[in-house]
PDB file of N, CA and C in Angstrom:
ATOM      1  N   MET A   1     145.039-112.344  -5.770  1.00  0.00           N
ATOM      2  CA  MET A   1     143.615-112.152  -5.990  1.00  0.00           C
ATOM      3  C   MET A   1     143.224-112.694  -7.358  1.00  0.00           C
ATOM      4  N   ARG A   2     142.054-113.272  -7.421  1.00  0.00           N
ATOM      5  CA  ARG A   2     141.532-113.761  -8.688  1.00  0.00           C
ATOM      6  C   ARG A   2     140.784-112.640  -9.385  1.00  0.00           C
ATOM      7  N   SER A   3     140.786-112.658 -10.689  1.00  0.00           N
ATOM      8  CA  SER A   3     140.083-111.643 -11.459  1.00  0.00           C
ATOM      9  C   SER A   3     138.953-112.292 -12.240  1.00  0.00           C
ATOM     10  N   MET A   4     137.871-111.556 -12.447  1.00  0.00           N
ATOM     11  CA  MET A   4     136.766-112.023 -13.261  1.00  0.00           C
ATOM     12  C   MET A   4     136.469-110.951 -14.285  1.00  0.00           C
ATOM     13  N   LYS A   5     135.839-111.341 -15.389  1.00  0.00           N
ATOM     14  CA  LYS A   5     135.590-110.380 -16.453  1.00  0.00           C
ATOM     15  C   LYS A   5     134.465-109.416 -16.125  1.00  0.00           C
ATOM     16  N   GLU A   6     133.422-109.880 -15.441  1.00  0.00           N
ATOM     17  CA  GLU A   6     132.330-108.972 -15.113  1.00  0.00           C
ATOM     18  C   GLU A   6     131.717-109.323 -13.769  1.00  0.00           C
ATOM     19  N   ARG A   7     131.101-108.346 -13.182  1.00  0.00           N
ATOM     20  CA  ARG A   7     130.479-108.481 -11.857  1.00  0.00           C
ATOM     21  C   ARG A   7     129.112-109.138 -12.018  1.00  0.00           C
ATOM     22  N   VAL A   8     128.812-110.081 -11.154  1.00  0.00           N
ATOM     23  CA  VAL A   8     127.509-110.729 -11.121  1.00  0.00           C
ATOM     24  C   VAL A   8     126.532-109.794 -10.421  1.00  0.00           C
ATOM     25  N   SER A   9     125.318-109.674 -10.958  1.00  0.00           N
ATOM     26  CA  SER A   9     124.337-108.778 -10.332  1.00  0.00           C
ATOM     27  C   SER A   9     123.892-109.343  -8.994  1.00  0.00           C
ATOM     28  N   GLY A  10     123.439-108.473  -8.125  1.00  0.00           N
ATOM     29  CA  GLY A  10     122.968-108.890  -6.810  1.00  0.00           C
ATOM     30  C   GLY A  10     123.272-107.835  -5.769  1.00  0.00           C
ATOM     31  N   MET A  11     123.137-108.216  -4.522  1.00  0.00           N
ATOM     32  CA  MET A  11     123.346-107.312  -3.391  1.00  0.00           C
ATOM     33  C   MET A  11     124.824-106.947  -3.284  1.00  0.00           C
ATOM     34  N   LEU A  12     125.086-105.674  -3.047  1.00  0.00           N
ATOM     35  CA  LEU A  12     126.450-105.190  -2.872  1.00  0.00           C
ATOM     36  C   LEU A  12     126.537-104.471  -1.543  1.00  0.00           C
ATOM     37  N   VAL A  13     127.517-104.842  -0.755  1.00  0.00           N
ATOM     38  CA  VAL A  13     127.771-104.188   0.525  1.00  0.00           C
ATOM     39  C   VAL A  13     129.195-103.648   0.462  1.00  0.00           C
ATOM     40  N   ALA A  14     129.358-102.366   0.724  1.00  0.00           N
ATOM     41  CA  ALA A  14     130.694-101.760   0.747  1.00  0.00           C
ATOM     42  C   ALA A  14     131.081-101.487   2.195  1.00  0.00           C
ATOM     43  N   VAL A  15     132.327-101.782   2.520  1.00  0.00           N
ATOM     44  CA  VAL A  15     132.839-101.583   3.872  1.00  0.00           C
ATOM     45  C   VAL A  15     134.088-100.725   3.786  1.00  0.00           C
ATOM     46  N   ALA A  16     134.116 -99.649   4.553  1.00  0.00           N
ATOM     47  CA  ALA A  16     135.320 -98.823   4.641  1.00  0.00           C
ATOM     48  C   ALA A  16     136.153 -99.357   5.799  1.00  0.00           C
ATOM     49  N   ALA A  17     137.347 -99.847   5.491  1.00  0.00           N
ATOM     50  CA  ALA A  17     138.215-100.418   6.517  1.00  0.00           C
ATOM     51  C   ALA A  17     139.621 -99.886   6.304  1.00  0.00           C
ATOM     52  N   SER A  18     140.163 -99.257   7.320  1.00  0.00           N
ATOM     53  CA  SER A  18     141.509 -98.695   7.205  1.00  0.00           C
ATOM     54  C   SER A  18     142.546 -99.713   7.662  1.00  0.00           C
ATOM     55  N   GLY A  19     143.488 -99.983   6.807  1.00  0.00           N
ATOM     56  CA  GLY A  19     144.596-100.861   7.145  1.00  0.00           C
ATOM     57  C   GLY A  19     144.309-102.333   6.894  1.00  0.00           C
ATOM     58  N   PRO A  20     145.352-103.100   6.672  1.00  0.00           N
ATOM     59  CA  PRO A  20     145.216-104.519   6.341  1.00  0.00           C
ATOM     60  C   PRO A  20     144.513-105.349   7.415  1.00  0.00           C
ATOM     61  N   GLU A  21     144.769-105.068   8.683  1.00  0.00           N
ATOM     62  CA  GLU A  21     144.136-105.849   9.759  1.00  0.00           C
ATOM     63  C   GLU A  21     142.625-105.646   9.764  1.00  0.00           C
ATOM     64  N   ARG A  22     142.185-104.401   9.644  1.00  0.00           N
ATOM     65  CA  ARG A  22     140.746-104.118   9.621  1.00  0.00           C
ATOM     66  C   ARG A  22     140.099-104.682   8.359  1.00  0.00           C
ATOM     67  N   GLN A  23     140.803-104.639   7.230  1.00  0.00           N
ATOM     68  CA  GLN A  23     140.280-105.217   5.997  1.00  0.00           C
ATOM     69  C   GLN A  23     140.084-106.722   6.153  1.00  0.00           C
ATOM     70  N   ALA A  24     141.073-107.396   6.751  1.00  0.00           N
ATOM     71  CA  ALA A  24     140.971-108.838   6.979  1.00  0.00           C
ATOM     72  C   ALA A  24     139.810-109.157   7.909  1.00  0.00           C
ATOM     73  N   GLN A  25     139.627-108.349   8.965  1.00  0.00           N
ATOM     74  CA  GLN A  25     138.509-108.561   9.892  1.00  0.00           C
ATOM     75  C   GLN A  25     137.176-108.407   9.167  1.00  0.00           C
ATOM     76  N   ALA A  26     137.066-107.403   8.314  1.00  0.00           N
ATOM     77  CA  ALA A  26     135.823-107.173   7.576  1.00  0.00           C
ATOM     78  C   ALA A  26     135.544-108.337   6.630  1.00  0.00           C
ATOM     79  N   MET A  27     136.565-108.812   5.911  1.00  0.00           N
ATOM     80  CA  MET A  27     136.371-109.929   4.987  1.00  0.00           C
ATOM     81  C   MET A  27     136.000-111.203   5.738  1.00  0.00           C
ATOM     82  N   ASP A  28     136.623-111.440   6.884  1.00  0.00           N
ATOM     83  CA  ASP A  28     136.295-112.618   7.687  1.00  0.00           C
ATOM     84  C   ASP A  28     134.854-112.554   8.176  1.00  0.00           C
ATOM     85  N   LEU A  29     134.420-111.386   8.628  1.00  0.00           N
ATOM     86  CA  LEU A  29     133.046-111.224   9.111  1.00  0.00           C
ATOM     87  C   LEU A  29     132.050-111.454   7.968  1.00  0.00           C
ATOM     88  N   LEU A  30     132.308-110.871   6.817  1.00  0.00           N
ATOM     89  CA  LEU A  30     131.414-111.064   5.670  1.00  0.00           C
ATOM     90  C   LEU A  30     131.314-112.541   5.301  1.00  0.00           C
ATOM     91  N   ALA A  31     132.437-113.245   5.307  1.00  0.00           N
ATOM     92  CA  ALA A  31     132.430-114.674   4.981  1.00  0.00           C
ATOM     93  C   ALA A  31     131.636-115.466   6.021  1.00  0.00           C
ATOM     94  N   ARG A  32     131.796-115.127   7.302  1.00  0.00           N
ATOM     95  CA  ARG A  32     131.078-115.846   8.363  1.00  0.00           C
ATOM     96  C   ARG A  32     129.569-115.696   8.251  1.00  0.00           C
ATOM     97  N   VAL A  33     129.097-114.569   7.742  1.00  0.00           N
ATOM     98  CA  VAL A  33     127.646-114.364   7.640  1.00  0.00           C
ATOM     99  C   VAL A  33     127.099-114.753   6.267  1.00  0.00           C
ATOM    100  N   GLY A  34     127.927-115.408   5.452  1.00  0.00           N
ATOM    101  CA  GLY A  34     127.416-115.987   4.219  1.00  0.00           C
ATOM    102  C   GLY A  34     127.790-115.314   2.916  1.00  0.00           C
ATOM    103  N   ALA A  35     128.639-114.305   2.924  1.00  0.00           N
ATOM    104  CA  ALA A  35     129.059-113.685   1.662  1.00  0.00           C
ATOM    105  C   ALA A  35     129.793-114.725   0.829  1.00  0.00           C
ATOM    106  N   THR A  36     129.460-114.815  -0.438  1.00  0.00           N
ATOM    107  CA  THR A  36     130.068-115.835  -1.287  1.00  0.00           C
ATOM    108  C   THR A  36     131.051-115.262  -2.300  1.00  0.00           C
ATOM    109  N   ARG A  37     130.975-113.989  -2.599  1.00  0.00           N
ATOM    110  CA  ARG A  37     131.884-113.354  -3.555  1.00  0.00           C
ATOM    111  C   ARG A  37     132.365-112.051  -2.934  1.00  0.00           C
ATOM    112  N   ILE A  38     133.509-112.102  -2.286  1.00  0.00           N
ATOM    113  CA  ILE A  38     134.041-110.924  -1.606  1.00  0.00           C
ATOM    114  C   ILE A  38     135.095-110.288  -2.501  1.00  0.00           C
ATOM    115  N   GLU A  39     134.865-109.037  -2.844  1.00  0.00           N
ATOM    116  CA  GLU A  39     135.808-108.289  -3.676  1.00  0.00           C
ATOM    117  C   GLU A  39     136.641-107.377  -2.793  1.00  0.00           C
ATOM    118  N   LYS A  40     137.799-107.028  -3.285  1.00  0.00           N
ATOM    119  CA  LYS A  40     138.626-106.023  -2.619  1.00  0.00           C
ATOM    120  C   LYS A  40     138.834-104.896  -3.615  1.00  0.00           C
ATOM    121  N   ALA A  41     138.513-103.678  -3.203  1.00  0.00           N
ATOM    122  CA  ALA A  41     138.637-102.525  -4.086  1.00  0.00           C
ATOM    123  C   ALA A  41     138.986-101.291  -3.278  1.00  0.00           C
ATOM    124  N   ASP A  42     139.572-100.334  -3.927  1.00  0.00           N
ATOM    125  CA  ASP A  42     139.849 -99.038  -3.310  1.00  0.00           C
ATOM    126  C   ASP A  42     138.844 -98.037  -3.848  1.00  0.00           C
ATOM    127  N   GLY A  43     138.468 -97.097  -3.014  1.00  0.00           N
ATOM    128  CA  GLY A  43     137.528 -96.081  -3.463  1.00  0.00           C
ATOM    129  C   GLY A  43     137.302 -95.041  -2.402  1.00  0.00           C
ATOM    130  N   THR A  44     136.424 -94.115  -2.708  1.00  0.00           N
ATOM    131  CA  THR A  44     136.105 -93.009  -1.807  1.00  0.00           C
ATOM    132  C   THR A  44     134.650 -93.101  -1.392  1.00  0.00           C
ATOM    133  N   ILE A  45     134.429 -93.140  -0.080  1.00  0.00           N
ATOM    134  CA  ILE A  45     133.066 -93.150   0.454  1.00  0.00           C
ATOM    135  C   ILE A  45     132.829 -91.795   1.105  1.00  0.00           C
ATOM    136  N   ARG A  46     131.803 -91.101   0.628  1.00  0.00           N
ATOM    137  CA  ARG A  46     131.430 -89.788   1.169  1.00  0.00           C
ATOM    138  C   ARG A  46     129.955 -89.810   1.514  1.00  0.00           C
ATOM    139  N   ALA A  47     129.630 -89.436   2.732  1.00  0.00           N
ATOM    140  CA  ALA A  47     128.233 -89.368   3.180  1.00  0.00           C
ATOM    141  C   ALA A  47     127.484 -90.670   2.886  1.00  0.00           C
ATOM    142  N   GLY A  48     128.175 -91.808   3.059  1.00  0.00           N
ATOM    143  CA  GLY A  48     127.548 -93.097   2.860  1.00  0.00           C
ATOM    144  C   GLY A  48     127.471 -93.579   1.427  1.00  0.00           C
ATOM    145  N   ASP A  49     128.007 -92.813   0.474  1.00  0.00           N
ATOM    146  CA  ASP A  49     127.987 -93.213  -0.942  1.00  0.00           C
ATOM    147  C   ASP A  49     129.406 -93.492  -1.429  1.00  0.00           C
ATOM    148  N   TRP A  50     129.552 -94.554  -2.199  1.00  0.00           N
ATOM    149  CA  TRP A  50     130.836 -94.878  -2.818  1.00  0.00           C
ATOM    150  C   TRP A  50     130.895 -94.067  -4.099  1.00  0.00           C
ATOM    151  N   THR A  51     131.532 -92.905  -4.023  1.00  0.00           N
ATOM    152  CA  THR A  51     131.449 -91.909  -5.088  1.00  0.00           C
ATOM    153  C   THR A  51     132.165 -92.291  -6.376  1.00  0.00           C
ATOM    154  N   ASP A  52     133.197 -93.119  -6.296  1.00  0.00           N
ATOM    155  CA  ASP A  52     133.939 -93.456  -7.510  1.00  0.00           C
ATOM    156  C   ASP A  52     133.797 -94.926  -7.900  1.00  0.00           C
ATOM    157  N   PHE A  53     132.742 -95.579  -7.439  1.00  0.00           N
ATOM    158  CA  PHE A  53     132.490 -96.973  -7.803  1.00  0.00           C
ATOM    159  C   PHE A  53     132.042 -97.065  -9.254  1.00  0.00           C
ATOM    160  N   ASP A  54     132.673 -97.952 -10.002  1.00  0.00           N
ATOM    161  CA  ASP A  54     132.297 -98.179 -11.400  1.00  0.00           C
ATOM    162  C   ASP A  54     131.916 -99.654 -11.544  1.00  0.00           C
ATOM    163  N   PRO A  55     130.625 -99.963 -11.672  1.00  0.00           N
ATOM    164  CA  PRO A  55     130.207-101.361 -11.748  1.00  0.00           C
ATOM    165  C   PRO A  55     130.701-102.085 -12.995  1.00  0.00           C
ATOM    166  N   LEU A  56     131.225-101.354 -13.970  1.00  0.00           N
ATOM    167  CA  LEU A  56     131.730-101.975 -15.189  1.00  0.00           C
ATOM    168  C   LEU A  56     133.199-102.388 -15.085  1.00  0.00           C
ATOM    169  N   THR A  57     133.876-101.939 -14.033  1.00  0.00           N
ATOM    170  CA  THR A  57     135.258-102.333 -13.806  1.00  0.00           C
ATOM    171  C   THR A  57     135.283-103.802 -13.394  1.00  0.00           C
ATOM    172  N   PRO A  58     136.157-104.620 -13.984  1.00  0.00           N
ATOM    173  CA  PRO A  58     136.212-106.031 -13.587  1.00  0.00           C
ATOM    174  C   PRO A  58     136.510-106.171 -12.088  1.00  0.00           C
ATOM    175  N   PRO A  59     135.762-107.019 -11.403  1.00  0.00           N
ATOM    176  CA  PRO A  59     135.974-107.189  -9.957  1.00  0.00           C
ATOM    177  C   PRO A  59     137.259-107.949  -9.652  1.00  0.00           C
ATOM    178  N   GLN A  60     137.839-107.668  -8.516  1.00  0.00           N
ATOM    179  CA  GLN A  60     138.999-108.401  -8.012  1.00  0.00           C
ATOM    180  C   GLN A  60     138.540-109.161  -6.774  1.00  0.00           C
ATOM    181  N   LEU A  61     138.317-110.470  -6.913  1.00  0.00           N
ATOM    182  CA  LEU A  61     137.870-111.256  -5.780  1.00  0.00           C
ATOM    183  C   LEU A  61     138.997-111.380  -4.766  1.00  0.00           C
ATOM    184  N   ALA A  62     138.640-111.319  -3.489  1.00  0.00           N
ATOM    185  CA  ALA A  62     139.620-111.332  -2.425  1.00  0.00           C
ATOM    186  C   ALA A  62     140.239-112.708  -2.227  1.00  0.00           C
ATOM    187  N   GLY A  63     139.643-113.748  -2.807  1.00  0.00           N
ATOM    188  CA  GLY A  63     140.228-115.074  -2.695  1.00  0.00           C
ATOM    189  C   GLY A  63     140.002-115.735  -1.352  1.00  0.00           C
ATOM    190  N   ARG A  64     139.001-115.245  -0.604  1.00  0.00           N
ATOM    191  CA  ARG A  64     138.665-115.852   0.676  1.00  0.00           C
ATOM    192  C   ARG A  64     137.323-116.530   0.544  1.00  0.00           C
ATOM    193  N   PRO A  65     137.288-117.852   0.397  1.00  0.00           N
ATOM    194  CA  PRO A  65     136.003-118.520   0.249  1.00  0.00           C
ATOM    195  C   PRO A  65     135.184-118.439   1.526  1.00  0.00           C
ATOM    196  N   ALA A  66     133.875-118.350   1.364  1.00  0.00           N
ATOM    197  CA  ALA A  66     132.982-118.336   2.509  1.00  0.00           C
ATOM    198  C   ALA A  66     133.028-119.707   3.178  1.00  0.00           C
ATOM    199  N   PRO A  67     132.938-119.738   4.511  1.00  0.00           N
ATOM    200  CA  PRO A  67     132.939-121.033   5.193  1.00  0.00           C
ATOM    201  C   PRO A  67     131.679-121.819   4.859  1.00  0.00           C
ATOM    202  N   ALA A  68     131.777-123.148   4.948  1.00  0.00           N
ATOM    203  CA  ALA A  68     130.625-124.001   4.626  1.00  0.00           C
ATOM    204  C   ALA A  68     129.483-123.773   5.597  1.00  0.00           C
ATOM    205  N   SER A  69     129.780-123.505   6.854  1.00  0.00           N
ATOM    206  CA  SER A  69     128.725-123.226   7.832  1.00  0.00           C
ATOM    207  C   SER A  69     129.204-122.153   8.788  1.00  0.00           C
ATOM    208  N   ALA A  70     128.251-121.308   9.243  1.00  0.00           N
ATOM    209  CA  ALA A  70     128.630-120.210  10.142  1.00  0.00           C
ATOM    210  C   ALA A  70     128.384-120.599  11.572  1.00  0.00           C
TER     211      ALA A  70
END
């Protein structure tokens, strides 16, 4: 995974996916619909909120570039 010093502002979508296969499916789907910066992170989602998300933590990009066309 590539690392960056700070997160770029903009729309954030969090996906809860259990296991590597589901994570890969989620990242592939996000890339197909135009996501350009896909991060991979661990956290806790409760009642639809990512309770331990810290926007100041350096992002870890998943290293999956978005396709040129969907």
